[in-house]
Amino acid sequence: MPFDLSRSTHVFTPAKYGGTQDVVSKDGDPAQVALIREHLGREARAFADGNYADPAAIHVNEMPGLQELQAGAARIHVTAADLPKGGRIRFETRDSRLVAALHRWFAAQVHDHGPDAVMAH
């Protein structure tokens, strides 16, 4: 990742429609915030195209939910937005199987990121 993981927090929020992944800078450093926003924008565009290569490389290709998300990408609306101290990727779908896959994928990322990630409820 182009930003400092130890200076940021990943917040995964499952929802009925899918969920969100926020990445926020712990110290609000403008350079760090810019890197987070750039990275999340690039990732959102890739995810919208069914390209989950970055998280697969970081977390392993067999992550729970990952194959379903890649195969169902056309049925998932993915957008990026800026937050005051970082950015957000929003995943929306009406397909309950893809919502479940997103939630499994979120949980796997929280586990892999350790203290730098949390699951919001």
PDB file of N, CA and C in Angstrom:
ATOM      1  N   MET A   1       0.852  -1.176   0.000  1.00  0.00           N
ATOM      2  CA  MET A   1       0.000   0.000   0.000  1.00  0.00           C
ATOM      3  C   MET A   1       0.894   1.234   0.000  1.00  0.00           C
ATOM      4  N   PRO A   2       0.454   2.267  -0.673  1.00  0.00           N
ATOM      5  CA  PRO A   2       1.297   3.457  -0.786  1.00  0.00           C
ATOM      6  C   PRO A   2       1.308   4.339   0.461  1.00  0.00           C
ATOM      7  N   PHE A   3       0.446   4.065   1.412  1.00  0.00           N
ATOM      8  CA  PHE A   3       0.393   4.858   2.643  1.00  0.00           C
ATOM      9  C   PHE A   3       0.880   4.001   3.807  1.00  0.00           C
ATOM     10  N   ASP A   4       1.146   4.644   4.916  1.00  0.00           N
ATOM     11  CA  ASP A   4       1.688   3.969   6.099  1.00  0.00           C
ATOM     12  C   ASP A   4       0.544   3.303   6.877  1.00  0.00           C
ATOM     13  N   LEU A   5       0.519   1.967   6.851  1.00  0.00           N
ATOM     14  CA  LEU A   5      -0.544   1.230   7.544  1.00  0.00           C
ATOM     15  C   LEU A   5      -0.581   1.525   9.033  1.00  0.00           C
ATOM     16  N   SER A   6       0.567   1.685   9.651  1.00  0.00           N
ATOM     17  CA  SER A   6       0.603   1.915  11.098  1.00  0.00           C
ATOM     18  C   SER A   6       0.058   3.292  11.473  1.00  0.00           C
ATOM     19  N   ARG A   7      -0.065   4.183  10.492  1.00  0.00           N
ATOM     20  CA  ARG A   7      -0.597   5.522  10.746  1.00  0.00           C
ATOM     21  C   ARG A   7      -2.027   5.669  10.229  1.00  0.00           C
ATOM     22  N   SER A   8      -2.659   4.526   9.921  1.00  0.00           N
ATOM     23  CA  SER A   8      -4.024   4.562   9.407  1.00  0.00           C
ATOM     24  C   SER A   8      -4.840   3.432  10.029  1.00  0.00           C
ATOM     25  N   THR A   9      -6.141   3.561   9.911  1.00  0.00           N
ATOM     26  CA  THR A   9      -7.054   2.529  10.383  1.00  0.00           C
ATOM     27  C   THR A   9      -8.024   2.187   9.266  1.00  0.00           C
ATOM     28  N   HIS A  10      -8.185   0.887   9.022  1.00  0.00           N
ATOM     29  CA  HIS A  10      -9.196   0.392   8.088  1.00  0.00           C
ATOM     30  C   HIS A  10     -10.447   0.094   8.917  1.00  0.00           C
ATOM     31  N   VAL A  11     -11.578   0.617   8.484  1.00  0.00           N
ATOM     32  CA  VAL A  11     -12.852   0.372   9.164  1.00  0.00           C
ATOM     33  C   VAL A  11     -13.798  -0.264   8.156  1.00  0.00           C
ATOM     34  N   PHE A  12     -14.171  -1.502   8.410  1.00  0.00           N
ATOM     35  CA  PHE A  12     -15.084  -2.232   7.536  1.00  0.00           C
ATOM     36  C   PHE A  12     -16.461  -2.244   8.185  1.00  0.00           C
ATOM     37  N   THR A  13     -17.462  -1.806   7.427  1.00  0.00           N
ATOM     38  CA  THR A  13     -18.817  -1.721   7.948  1.00  0.00           C
ATOM     39  C   THR A  13     -19.761  -2.527   7.057  1.00  0.00           C
ATOM     40  N   PRO A  14     -20.144  -3.731   7.503  1.00  0.00           N
ATOM     41  CA  PRO A  14     -21.107  -4.519   6.732  1.00  0.00           C
ATOM     42  C   PRO A  14     -22.487  -3.865   6.791  1.00  0.00           C
ATOM     43  N   ALA A  15     -23.237  -4.005   5.709  1.00  0.00           N
ATOM     44  CA  ALA A  15     -24.595  -3.450   5.651  1.00  0.00           C
ATOM     45  C   ALA A  15     -25.465  -4.366   4.789  1.00  0.00           C
ATOM     46  N   LYS A  16     -26.768  -4.162   4.854  1.00  0.00           N
ATOM     47  CA  LYS A  16     -27.702  -4.980   4.062  1.00  0.00           C
ATOM     48  C   LYS A  16     -27.394  -4.895   2.564  1.00  0.00           C
ATOM     49  N   TYR A  17     -26.955  -3.740   2.114  1.00  0.00           N
ATOM     50  CA  TYR A  17     -26.676  -3.512   0.696  1.00  0.00           C
ATOM     51  C   TYR A  17     -25.279  -3.975   0.286  1.00  0.00           C
ATOM     52  N   GLY A  18     -24.420  -4.301   1.246  1.00  0.00           N
ATOM     53  CA  GLY A  18     -23.020  -4.665   0.985  1.00  0.00           C
ATOM     54  C   GLY A  18     -22.146  -4.135   2.097  1.00  0.00           C
ATOM     55  N   GLY A  19     -21.700  -2.895   1.951  1.00  0.00           N
ATOM     56  CA  GLY A  19     -20.922  -2.293   3.023  1.00  0.00           C
ATOM     57  C   GLY A  19     -19.908  -1.286   2.535  1.00  0.00           C
ATOM     58  N   THR A  20     -19.133  -0.783   3.505  1.00  0.00           N
ATOM     59  CA  THR A  20     -18.108   0.207   3.196  1.00  0.00           C
ATOM     60  C   THR A  20     -16.778  -0.183   3.815  1.00  0.00           C
ATOM     61  N   GLN A  21     -15.744   0.275   3.157  1.00  0.00           N
ATOM     62  CA  GLN A  21     -14.381   0.157   3.671  1.00  0.00           C
ATOM     63  C   GLN A  21     -13.838   1.569   3.759  1.00  0.00           C
ATOM     64  N   ASP A  22     -13.612   2.042   4.969  1.00  0.00           N
ATOM     65  CA  ASP A  22     -13.013   3.348   5.187  1.00  0.00           C
ATOM     66  C   ASP A  22     -11.556   3.158   5.566  1.00  0.00           C
ATOM     67  N   VAL A  23     -10.719   4.054   5.100  1.00  0.00           N
ATOM     68  CA  VAL A  23      -9.335   4.113   5.563  1.00  0.00           C
ATOM     69  C   VAL A  23      -9.111   5.549   5.994  1.00  0.00           C
ATOM     70  N   VAL A  24      -8.740   5.718   7.264  1.00  0.00           N
ATOM     71  CA  VAL A  24      -8.551   7.053   7.808  1.00  0.00           C
ATOM     72  C   VAL A  24      -7.164   7.185   8.425  1.00  0.00           C
ATOM     73  N   SER A  25      -6.602   8.351   8.247  1.00  0.00           N
ATOM     74  CA  SER A  25      -5.300   8.663   8.823  1.00  0.00           C
ATOM     75  C   SER A  25      -5.472   8.918  10.315  1.00  0.00           C
ATOM     76  N   LYS A  26      -4.624   8.298  11.120  1.00  0.00           N
ATOM     77  CA  LYS A  26      -4.697   8.497  12.573  1.00  0.00           C
ATOM     78  C   LYS A  26      -4.244   9.892  12.975  1.00  0.00           C
ATOM     79  N   ASP A  27      -3.308  10.470  12.212  1.00  0.00           N
ATOM     80  CA  ASP A  27      -2.767  11.777  12.597  1.00  0.00           C
ATOM     81  C   ASP A  27      -3.228  12.920  11.686  1.00  0.00           C
ATOM     82  N   GLY A  28      -3.992  12.607  10.627  1.00  0.00           N
ATOM     83  CA  GLY A  28      -4.516  13.643   9.747  1.00  0.00           C
ATOM     84  C   GLY A  28      -3.480  14.294   8.845  1.00  0.00           C
ATOM     85  N   ASP A  29      -2.301  13.696   8.732  1.00  0.00           N
ATOM     86  CA  ASP A  29      -1.250  14.250   7.880  1.00  0.00           C
ATOM     87  C   ASP A  29      -1.760  14.370   6.444  1.00  0.00           C
ATOM     88  N   PRO A  30      -1.732  15.583   5.866  1.00  0.00           N
ATOM     89  CA  PRO A  30      -2.283  15.780   4.518  1.00  0.00           C
ATOM     90  C   PRO A  30      -1.652  14.874   3.453  1.00  0.00           C
ATOM     91  N   ALA A  31      -0.375  14.597   3.550  1.00  0.00           N
ATOM     92  CA  ALA A  31       0.279  13.722   2.571  1.00  0.00           C
ATOM     93  C   ALA A  31      -0.268  12.298   2.692  1.00  0.00           C
ATOM     94  N   GLN A  32      -0.438  11.840   3.918  1.00  0.00           N
ATOM     95  CA  GLN A  32      -0.982  10.505   4.165  1.00  0.00           C
ATOM     96  C   GLN A  32      -2.432  10.423   3.660  1.00  0.00           C
ATOM     97  N   VAL A  33      -3.217  11.443   3.940  1.00  0.00           N
ATOM     98  CA  VAL A  33      -4.617  11.481   3.495  1.00  0.00           C
ATOM     99  C   VAL A  33      -4.693  11.428   1.973  1.00  0.00           C
ATOM    100  N   ALA A  34      -3.831  12.182   1.296  1.00  0.00           N
ATOM    101  CA  ALA A  34      -3.815  12.177  -0.171  1.00  0.00           C
ATOM    102  C   ALA A  34      -3.469  10.797  -0.713  1.00  0.00           C
ATOM    103  N   LEU A  35      -2.513  10.121  -0.101  1.00  0.00           N
ATOM    104  CA  LEU A  35      -2.135   8.777  -0.536  1.00  0.00           C
ATOM    105  C   LEU A  35      -3.279   7.784  -0.333  1.00  0.00           C
ATOM    106  N   ILE A  36      -3.973   7.911   0.793  1.00  0.00           N
ATOM    107  CA  ILE A  36      -5.121   7.031   1.067  1.00  0.00           C
ATOM    108  C   ILE A  36      -6.198   7.239  -0.001  1.00  0.00           C
ATOM    109  N   ARG A  37      -6.533   8.483  -0.268  1.00  0.00           N
ATOM    110  CA  ARG A  37      -7.598   8.784  -1.238  1.00  0.00           C
ATOM    111  C   ARG A  37      -7.229   8.290  -2.634  1.00  0.00           C
ATOM    112  N   GLU A  38      -5.985   8.505  -3.033  1.00  0.00           N
ATOM    113  CA  GLU A  38      -5.530   8.054  -4.350  1.00  0.00           C
ATOM    114  C   GLU A  38      -5.629   6.527  -4.452  1.00  0.00           C
ATOM    115  N   HIS A  39      -5.162   5.848  -3.421  1.00  0.00           N
ATOM    116  CA  HIS A  39      -5.181   4.384  -3.410  1.00  0.00           C
ATOM    117  C   HIS A  39      -6.619   3.850  -3.464  1.00  0.00           C
ATOM    118  N   LEU A  40      -7.504   4.391  -2.634  1.00  0.00           N
ATOM    119  CA  LEU A  40      -8.880   3.902  -2.609  1.00  0.00           C
ATOM    120  C   LEU A  40      -9.613   4.180  -3.916  1.00  0.00           C
ATOM    121  N   GLY A  41      -9.334   5.312  -4.542  1.00  0.00           N
ATOM    122  CA  GLY A  41      -9.936   5.610  -5.837  1.00  0.00           C
ATOM    123  C   GLY A  41      -9.505   4.606  -6.894  1.00  0.00           C
ATOM    124  N   ARG A  42      -8.222   4.290  -6.915  1.00  0.00           N
ATOM    125  CA  ARG A  42      -7.687   3.307  -7.862  1.00  0.00           C
ATOM    126  C   ARG A  42      -8.282   1.917  -7.593  1.00  0.00           C
ATOM    127  N   GLU A  43      -8.357   1.541  -6.314  1.00  0.00           N
ATOM    128  CA  GLU A  43      -8.910   0.237  -5.952  1.00  0.00           C
ATOM    129  C   GLU A  43     -10.390   0.146  -6.310  1.00  0.00           C
ATOM    130  N   ALA A  44     -11.150   1.185  -6.066  1.00  0.00           N
ATOM    131  CA  ALA A  44     -12.589   1.165  -6.388  1.00  0.00           C
ATOM    132  C   ALA A  44     -12.797   0.963  -7.882  1.00  0.00           C
ATOM    133  N   ARG A  45     -11.997   1.636  -8.706  1.00  0.00           N
ATOM    134  CA  ARG A  45     -12.120   1.459 -10.156  1.00  0.00           C
ATOM    135  C   ARG A  45     -11.784   0.022 -10.556  1.00  0.00           C
ATOM    136  N   ALA A  46     -10.745  -0.525  -9.952  1.00  0.00           N
ATOM    137  CA  ALA A  46     -10.357  -1.911 -10.252  1.00  0.00           C
ATOM    138  C   ALA A  46     -11.452  -2.884  -9.818  1.00  0.00           C
ATOM    139  N   PHE A  47     -11.970  -2.707  -8.591  1.00  0.00           N
ATOM    140  CA  PHE A  47     -13.017  -3.597  -8.082  1.00  0.00           C
ATOM    141  C   PHE A  47     -14.251  -3.552  -8.974  1.00  0.00           C
ATOM    142  N   ALA A  48     -14.606  -2.357  -9.444  1.00  0.00           N
ATOM    143  CA  ALA A  48     -15.774  -2.219 -10.320  1.00  0.00           C
ATOM    144  C   ALA A  48     -15.602  -3.042 -11.592  1.00  0.00           C
ATOM    145  N   ASP A  49     -14.351  -3.236 -12.009  1.00  0.00           N
ATOM    146  CA  ASP A  49     -14.048  -4.043 -13.194  1.00  0.00           C
ATOM    147  C   ASP A  49     -13.824  -5.516 -12.868  1.00  0.00           C
ATOM    148  N   GLY A  50     -13.990  -5.894 -11.601  1.00  0.00           N
ATOM    149  CA  GLY A  50     -13.779  -7.283 -11.200  1.00  0.00           C
ATOM    150  C   GLY A  50     -12.323  -7.622 -10.934  1.00  0.00           C
ATOM    151  N   ASN A  51     -11.490  -6.606 -10.844  1.00  0.00           N
ATOM    152  CA  ASN A  51     -10.052  -6.803 -10.613  1.00  0.00           C
ATOM    153  C   ASN A  51      -9.755  -6.655  -9.121  1.00  0.00           C
ATOM    154  N   TYR A  52      -9.585  -7.774  -8.452  1.00  0.00           N
ATOM    155  CA  TYR A  52      -9.260  -7.801  -7.028  1.00  0.00           C
ATOM    156  C   TYR A  52      -7.826  -8.280  -6.824  1.00  0.00           C
ATOM    157  N   ALA A  53      -6.950  -8.003  -7.799  1.00  0.00           N
ATOM    158  CA  ALA A  53      -5.566  -8.484  -7.762  1.00  0.00           C
ATOM    159  C   ALA A  53      -4.792  -7.929  -6.569  1.00  0.00           C
ATOM    160  N   ASP A  54      -4.965  -6.656  -6.246  1.00  0.00           N
ATOM    161  CA  ASP A  54      -4.204  -6.072  -5.123  1.00  0.00           C
ATOM    162  C   ASP A  54      -4.512  -6.751  -3.798  1.00  0.00           C
ATOM    163  N   PRO A  55      -5.789  -6.844  -3.385  1.00  0.00           N
ATOM    164  CA  PRO A  55      -6.034  -7.524  -2.111  1.00  0.00           C
ATOM    165  C   PRO A  55      -5.670  -9.005  -2.167  1.00  0.00           C
ATOM    166  N   ALA A  56      -5.802  -9.617  -3.334  1.00  0.00           N
ATOM    167  CA  ALA A  56      -5.431 -11.029  -3.463  1.00  0.00           C
ATOM    168  C   ALA A  56      -3.931 -11.200  -3.237  1.00  0.00           C
ATOM    169  N   ALA A  57      -3.138 -10.273  -3.750  1.00  0.00           N
ATOM    170  CA  ALA A  57      -1.681 -10.344  -3.585  1.00  0.00           C
ATOM    171  C   ALA A  57      -1.272 -10.077  -2.141  1.00  0.00           C
ATOM    172  N   ILE A  58      -1.955  -9.151  -1.506  1.00  0.00           N
ATOM    173  CA  ILE A  58      -1.624  -8.789  -0.126  1.00  0.00           C
ATOM    174  C   ILE A  58      -2.095  -9.857   0.856  1.00  0.00           C
ATOM    175  N   HIS A  59      -3.317 -10.325   0.678  1.00  0.00           N
ATOM    176  CA  HIS A  59      -3.952 -11.199   1.669  1.00  0.00           C
ATOM    177  C   HIS A  59      -3.995 -12.674   1.288  1.00  0.00           C
ATOM    178  N   VAL A  60      -3.721 -13.041   0.108  1.00  0.00           N
ATOM    179  CA  VAL A  60      -3.738 -14.358  -0.526  1.00  0.00           C
ATOM    180  C   VAL A  60      -4.999 -14.510  -1.371  1.00  0.00           C
ATOM    181  N   ASN A  61      -4.845 -15.174  -2.456  1.00  0.00           N
ATOM    182  CA  ASN A  61      -5.930 -15.305  -3.430  1.00  0.00           C
ATOM    183  C   ASN A  61      -7.101 -16.124  -2.917  1.00  0.00           C
ATOM    184  N   GLU A  62      -6.898 -16.925  -1.901  1.00  0.00           N
ATOM    185  CA  GLU A  62      -7.979 -17.772  -1.391  1.00  0.00           C
ATOM    186  C   GLU A  62      -8.788 -17.102  -0.279  1.00  0.00           C
ATOM    187  N   MET A  63      -8.736 -15.792  -0.178  1.00  0.00           N
ATOM    188  CA  MET A  63      -9.509 -15.101   0.860  1.00  0.00           C
ATOM    189  C   MET A  63     -10.986 -15.455   0.742  1.00  0.00           C
ATOM    190  N   PRO A  64     -11.657 -15.657   1.863  1.00  0.00           N
ATOM    191  CA  PRO A  64     -13.098 -15.912   1.818  1.00  0.00           C
ATOM    192  C   PRO A  64     -13.828 -14.797   1.059  1.00  0.00           C
ATOM    193  N   GLY A  65     -14.695 -15.198   0.147  1.00  0.00           N
ATOM    194  CA  GLY A  65     -15.516 -14.253  -0.606  1.00  0.00           C
ATOM    195  C   GLY A  65     -14.884 -13.685  -1.857  1.00  0.00           C
ATOM    196  N   LEU A  66     -13.580 -13.759  -1.982  1.00  0.00           N
ATOM    197  CA  LEU A  66     -12.885 -13.080  -3.072  1.00  0.00           C
ATOM    198  C   LEU A  66     -13.294 -13.593  -4.456  1.00  0.00           C
ATOM    199  N   GLN A  67     -13.350 -14.886  -4.633  1.00  0.00           N
ATOM    200  CA  GLN A  67     -13.709 -15.427  -5.954  1.00  0.00           C
ATOM    201  C   GLN A  67     -15.135 -15.051  -6.351  1.00  0.00           C
ATOM    202  N   GLU A  68     -16.049 -15.053  -5.378  1.00  0.00           N
ATOM    203  CA  GLU A  68     -17.429 -14.659  -5.671  1.00  0.00           C
ATOM    204  C   GLU A  68     -17.507 -13.194  -6.085  1.00  0.00           C
ATOM    205  N   LEU A  69     -16.717 -12.338  -5.419  1.00  0.00           N
ATOM    206  CA  LEU A  69     -16.725 -10.914  -5.745  1.00  0.00           C
ATOM    207  C   LEU A  69     -16.180 -10.678  -7.149  1.00  0.00           C
ATOM    208  N   GLN A  70     -15.127 -11.376  -7.497  1.00  0.00           N
ATOM    209  CA  GLN A  70     -14.572 -11.234  -8.846  1.00  0.00           C
ATOM    210  C   GLN A  70     -15.587 -11.688  -9.888  1.00  0.00           C
ATOM    211  N   ALA A  71     -16.204 -12.840  -9.673  1.00  0.00           N
ATOM    212  CA  ALA A  71     -17.157 -13.390 -10.634  1.00  0.00           C
ATOM    213  C   ALA A  71     -18.430 -12.540 -10.735  1.00  0.00           C
ATOM    214  N   GLY A  72     -18.829 -11.914  -9.642  1.00  0.00           N
ATOM    215  CA  GLY A  72     -20.067 -11.135  -9.613  1.00  0.00           C
ATOM    216  C   GLY A  72     -19.883  -9.643  -9.747  1.00  0.00           C
ATOM    217  N   ALA A  73     -18.717  -9.213 -10.170  1.00  0.00           N
ATOM    218  CA  ALA A  73     -18.396  -7.782 -10.208  1.00  0.00           C
ATOM    219  C   ALA A  73     -19.427  -6.956 -10.976  1.00  0.00           C
ATOM    220  N   ALA A  74     -19.999  -7.498 -12.022  1.00  0.00           N
ATOM    221  CA  ALA A  74     -20.982  -6.752 -12.810  1.00  0.00           C
ATOM    222  C   ALA A  74     -22.247  -6.439 -12.013  1.00  0.00           C
ATOM    223  N   ARG A  75     -22.469  -7.165 -10.919  1.00  0.00           N
ATOM    224  CA  ARG A  75     -23.656  -6.945 -10.088  1.00  0.00           C
ATOM    225  C   ARG A  75     -23.350  -6.168  -8.804  1.00  0.00           C
ATOM    226  N   ILE A  76     -22.126  -5.637  -8.711  1.00  0.00           N
ATOM    227  CA  ILE A  76     -21.739  -4.845  -7.538  1.00  0.00           C
ATOM    228  C   ILE A  76     -21.399  -3.439  -8.001  1.00  0.00           C
ATOM    229  N   HIS A  77     -22.066  -2.455  -7.436  1.00  0.00           N
ATOM    230  CA  HIS A  77     -21.768  -1.050  -7.736  1.00  0.00           C
ATOM    231  C   HIS A  77     -20.717  -0.586  -6.723  1.00  0.00           C
ATOM    232  N   VAL A  78     -19.564  -0.178  -7.217  1.00  0.00           N
ATOM    233  CA  VAL A  78     -18.454   0.217  -6.356  1.00  0.00           C
ATOM    234  C   VAL A  78     -18.120   1.676  -6.620  1.00  0.00           C
ATOM    235  N   THR A  79     -18.064   2.476  -5.540  1.00  0.00           N
ATOM    236  CA  THR A  79     -17.722   3.892  -5.667  1.00  0.00           C
ATOM    237  C   THR A  79     -16.718   4.274  -4.589  1.00  0.00           C
ATOM    238  N   ALA A  80     -15.997   5.340  -4.852  1.00  0.00           N
ATOM    239  CA  ALA A  80     -15.041   5.883  -3.878  1.00  0.00           C
ATOM    240  C   ALA A  80     -15.471   7.299  -3.523  1.00  0.00           C
ATOM    241  N   ALA A  81     -15.180   7.686  -2.291  1.00  0.00           N
ATOM    242  CA  ALA A  81     -15.488   9.036  -1.828  1.00  0.00           C
ATOM    243  C   ALA A  81     -14.435   9.463  -0.823  1.00  0.00           C
ATOM    244  N   ASP A  82     -14.220  10.768  -0.744  1.00  0.00           N
ATOM    245  CA  ASP A  82     -13.295  11.309   0.244  1.00  0.00           C
ATOM    246  C   ASP A  82     -13.975  11.432   1.597  1.00  0.00           C
ATOM    247  N   LEU A  83     -13.208  11.189   2.639  1.00  0.00           N
ATOM    248  CA  LEU A  83     -13.613  11.458   4.015  1.00  0.00           C
ATOM    249  C   LEU A  83     -12.675  12.532   4.551  1.00  0.00           C
ATOM    250  N   PRO A  84     -13.039  13.221   5.633  1.00  0.00           N
ATOM    251  CA  PRO A  84     -12.173  14.290   6.140  1.00  0.00           C
ATOM    252  C   PRO A  84     -10.708  13.875   6.371  1.00  0.00           C
ATOM    253  N   LYS A  85     -10.487  12.657   6.844  1.00  0.00           N
ATOM    254  CA  LYS A  85      -9.116  12.210   7.107  1.00  0.00           C
ATOM    255  C   LYS A  85      -8.727  10.995   6.276  1.00  0.00           C
ATOM    256  N   GLY A  86      -9.418  10.768   5.157  1.00  0.00           N
ATOM    257  CA  GLY A  86      -9.096   9.605   4.346  1.00  0.00           C
ATOM    258  C   GLY A  86     -10.087   9.401   3.236  1.00  0.00           C
ATOM    259  N   GLY A  87     -10.525   8.146   3.075  1.00  0.00           N
ATOM    260  CA  GLY A  87     -11.444   7.846   1.995  1.00  0.00           C
ATOM    261  C   GLY A  87     -12.297   6.636   2.290  1.00  0.00           C
ATOM    262  N   ARG A  88     -13.222   6.376   1.374  1.00  0.00           N
ATOM    263  CA  ARG A  88     -14.182   5.281   1.542  1.00  0.00           C
ATOM    264  C   ARG A  88     -14.416   4.605   0.198  1.00  0.00           C
ATOM    265  N   ILE A  89     -14.550   3.287   0.262  1.00  0.00           N
ATOM    266  CA  ILE A  89     -15.060   2.520  -0.869  1.00  0.00           C
ATOM    267  C   ILE A  89     -16.401   1.953  -0.426  1.00  0.00           C
ATOM    268  N   ARG A  90     -17.404   2.168  -1.256  1.00  0.00           N
ATOM    269  CA  ARG A  90     -18.757   1.670  -0.964  1.00  0.00           C
ATOM    270  C   ARG A  90     -19.090   0.578  -1.977  1.00  0.00           C
ATOM    271  N   PHE A  91     -19.560  -0.551  -1.461  1.00  0.00           N
ATOM    272  CA  PHE A  91     -19.946  -1.693  -2.272  1.00  0.00           C
ATOM    273  C   PHE A  91     -21.454  -1.873  -2.121  1.00  0.00           C
ATOM    274  N   GLU A  92     -22.190  -1.834  -3.249  1.00  0.00           N
ATOM    275  CA  GLU A  92     -23.639  -2.003  -3.200  1.00  0.00           C
ATOM    276  C   GLU A  92     -24.082  -3.088  -4.175  1.00  0.00           C
ATOM    277  N   THR A  93     -24.943  -3.979  -3.696  1.00  0.00           N
ATOM    278  CA  THR A  93     -25.510  -5.013  -4.555  1.00  0.00           C
ATOM    279  C   THR A  93     -26.848  -5.469  -3.981  1.00  0.00           C
ATOM    280  N   ARG A  94     -27.699  -5.961  -4.855  1.00  0.00           N
ATOM    281  CA  ARG A  94     -28.975  -6.538  -4.421  1.00  0.00           C
ATOM    282  C   ARG A  94     -28.891  -8.047  -4.307  1.00  0.00           C
ATOM    283  N   ASP A  95     -27.752  -8.598  -4.692  1.00  0.00           N
ATOM    284  CA  ASP A  95     -27.539 -10.040  -4.680  1.00  0.00           C
ATOM    285  C   ASP A  95     -27.094 -10.472  -3.275  1.00  0.00           C
ATOM    286  N   SER A  96     -27.963 -11.189  -2.588  1.00  0.00           N
ATOM    287  CA  SER A  96     -27.673 -11.564  -1.196  1.00  0.00           C
ATOM    288  C   SER A  96     -26.423 -12.443  -1.080  1.00  0.00           C
ATOM    289  N   ARG A  97     -26.135 -13.224  -2.115  1.00  0.00           N
ATOM    290  CA  ARG A  97     -24.913 -14.053  -2.083  1.00  0.00           C
ATOM    291  C   ARG A  97     -23.668 -13.189  -2.149  1.00  0.00           C
ATOM    292  N   LEU A  98     -23.740 -12.114  -2.918  1.00  0.00           N
ATOM    293  CA  LEU A  98     -22.600 -11.207  -3.000  1.00  0.00           C
ATOM    294  C   LEU A  98     -22.453 -10.378  -1.726  1.00  0.00           C
ATOM    295  N   VAL A  99     -23.568 -10.017  -1.110  1.00  0.00           N
ATOM    296  CA  VAL A  99     -23.504  -9.328   0.186  1.00  0.00           C
ATOM    297  C   VAL A  99     -22.801 -10.225   1.199  1.00  0.00           C
ATOM    298  N   ALA A 100     -23.166 -11.491   1.245  1.00  0.00           N
ATOM    299  CA  ALA A 100     -22.518 -12.437   2.165  1.00  0.00           C
ATOM    300  C   ALA A 100     -21.034 -12.582   1.846  1.00  0.00           C
ATOM    301  N   ALA A 101     -20.699 -12.622   0.548  1.00  0.00           N
ATOM    302  CA  ALA A 101     -19.286 -12.723   0.156  1.00  0.00           C
ATOM    303  C   ALA A 101     -18.517 -11.485   0.597  1.00  0.00           C
ATOM    304  N   LEU A 102     -19.118 -10.308   0.427  1.00  0.00           N
ATOM    305  CA  LEU A 102     -18.482  -9.065   0.893  1.00  0.00           C
ATOM    306  C   LEU A 102     -18.221  -9.124   2.390  1.00  0.00           C
ATOM    307  N   HIS A 103     -19.182  -9.574   3.151  1.00  0.00           N
ATOM    308  CA  HIS A 103     -19.039  -9.636   4.604  1.00  0.00           C
ATOM    309  C   HIS A 103     -17.937 -10.616   5.013  1.00  0.00           C
ATOM    310  N   ARG A 104     -17.844 -11.743   4.323  1.00  0.00           N
ATOM    311  CA  ARG A 104     -16.754 -12.700   4.599  1.00  0.00           C
ATOM    312  C   ARG A 104     -15.401 -12.086   4.247  1.00  0.00           C
ATOM    313  N   TRP A 105     -15.366 -11.379   3.126  1.00  0.00           N
ATOM    314  CA  TRP A 105     -14.133 -10.734   2.675  1.00  0.00           C
ATOM    315  C   TRP A 105     -13.707  -9.631   3.655  1.00  0.00           C
ATOM    316  N   PHE A 106     -14.663  -8.848   4.126  1.00  0.00           N
ATOM    317  CA  PHE A 106     -14.369  -7.827   5.130  1.00  0.00           C
ATOM    318  C   PHE A 106     -13.751  -8.469   6.378  1.00  0.00           C
ATOM    319  N   ALA A 107     -14.370  -9.529   6.873  1.00  0.00           N
ATOM    320  CA  ALA A 107     -13.878 -10.191   8.089  1.00  0.00           C
ATOM    321  C   ALA A 107     -12.463 -10.719   7.895  1.00  0.00           C
ATOM    322  N   ALA A 108     -12.172 -11.272   6.730  1.00  0.00           N
ATOM    323  CA  ALA A 108     -10.827 -11.780   6.462  1.00  0.00           C
ATOM    324  C   ALA A 108      -9.807 -10.648   6.450  1.00  0.00           C
ATOM    325  N   GLN A 109     -10.189  -9.511   5.898  1.00  0.00           N
ATOM    326  CA  GLN A 109      -9.261  -8.373   5.871  1.00  0.00           C
ATOM    327  C   GLN A 109      -9.008  -7.831   7.281  1.00  0.00           C
ATOM    328  N   VAL A 110     -10.056  -7.755   8.089  1.00  0.00           N
ATOM    329  CA  VAL A 110      -9.872  -7.301   9.476  1.00  0.00           C
ATOM    330  C   VAL A 110      -8.885  -8.218  10.190  1.00  0.00           C
ATOM    331  N   HIS A 111      -9.063  -9.499  10.002  1.00  0.00           N
ATOM    332  CA  HIS A 111      -8.159 -10.474  10.624  1.00  0.00           C
ATOM    333  C   HIS A 111      -6.728 -10.262  10.143  1.00  0.00           C
ATOM    334  N   ASP A 112      -6.542 -10.110   8.833  1.00  0.00           N
ATOM    335  CA  ASP A 112      -5.199  -9.962   8.270  1.00  0.00           C
ATOM    336  C   ASP A 112      -4.530  -8.651   8.647  1.00  0.00           C
ATOM    337  N   HIS A 113      -5.293  -7.569   8.726  1.00  0.00           N
ATOM    338  CA  HIS A 113      -4.710  -6.260   9.054  1.00  0.00           C
ATOM    339  C   HIS A 113      -4.380  -6.127  10.540  1.00  0.00           C
ATOM    340  N   GLY A 114      -4.916  -6.997  11.353  1.00  0.00           N
ATOM    341  CA  GLY A 114      -4.604  -6.969  12.785  1.00  0.00           C
ATOM    342  C   GLY A 114      -5.049  -5.683  13.459  1.00  0.00           C
ATOM    343  N   PRO A 115      -4.140  -5.061  14.219  1.00  0.00           N
ATOM    344  CA  PRO A 115      -4.523  -3.885  15.007  1.00  0.00           C
ATOM    345  C   PRO A 115      -4.836  -2.639  14.175  1.00  0.00           C
ATOM    346  N   ASP A 116      -4.550  -2.691  12.868  1.00  0.00           N
ATOM    347  CA  ASP A 116      -4.803  -1.532  12.013  1.00  0.00           C
ATOM    348  C   ASP A 116      -6.164  -1.592  11.343  1.00  0.00           C
ATOM    349  N   ALA A 117      -7.040  -2.525  11.773  1.00  0.00           N
ATOM    350  CA  ALA A 117      -8.369  -2.638  11.173  1.00  0.00           C
ATOM    351  C   ALA A 117      -9.399  -3.014  12.221  1.00  0.00           C
ATOM    352  N   VAL A 118     -10.634  -2.557  11.978  1.00  0.00           N
ATOM    353  CA  VAL A 118     -11.739  -2.884  12.875  1.00  0.00           C
ATOM    354  C   VAL A 118     -12.985  -3.166  12.040  1.00  0.00           C
ATOM    355  N   MET A 119     -13.886  -3.936  12.605  1.00  0.00           N
ATOM    356  CA  MET A 119     -15.189  -4.178  11.988  1.00  0.00           C
ATOM    357  C   MET A 119     -16.194  -3.350  12.750  1.00  0.00           C
ATOM    358  N   ALA A 120     -16.840  -2.430  12.065  1.00  0.00           N
ATOM    359  CA  ALA A 120     -17.883  -1.610  12.688  1.00  0.00           C
ATOM    360  C   ALA A 120     -19.207  -2.341  12.544  1.00  0.00           C
ATOM    361  N   HIS A 121     -20.120  -2.102  13.453  1.00  0.00           N
ATOM    362  CA  HIS A 121     -21.431  -2.770  13.390  1.00  0.00           C
ATOM    363  C   HIS A 121     -22.540  -1.780  13.456  1.00  0.00           C
TER     364      HIS A 121
END
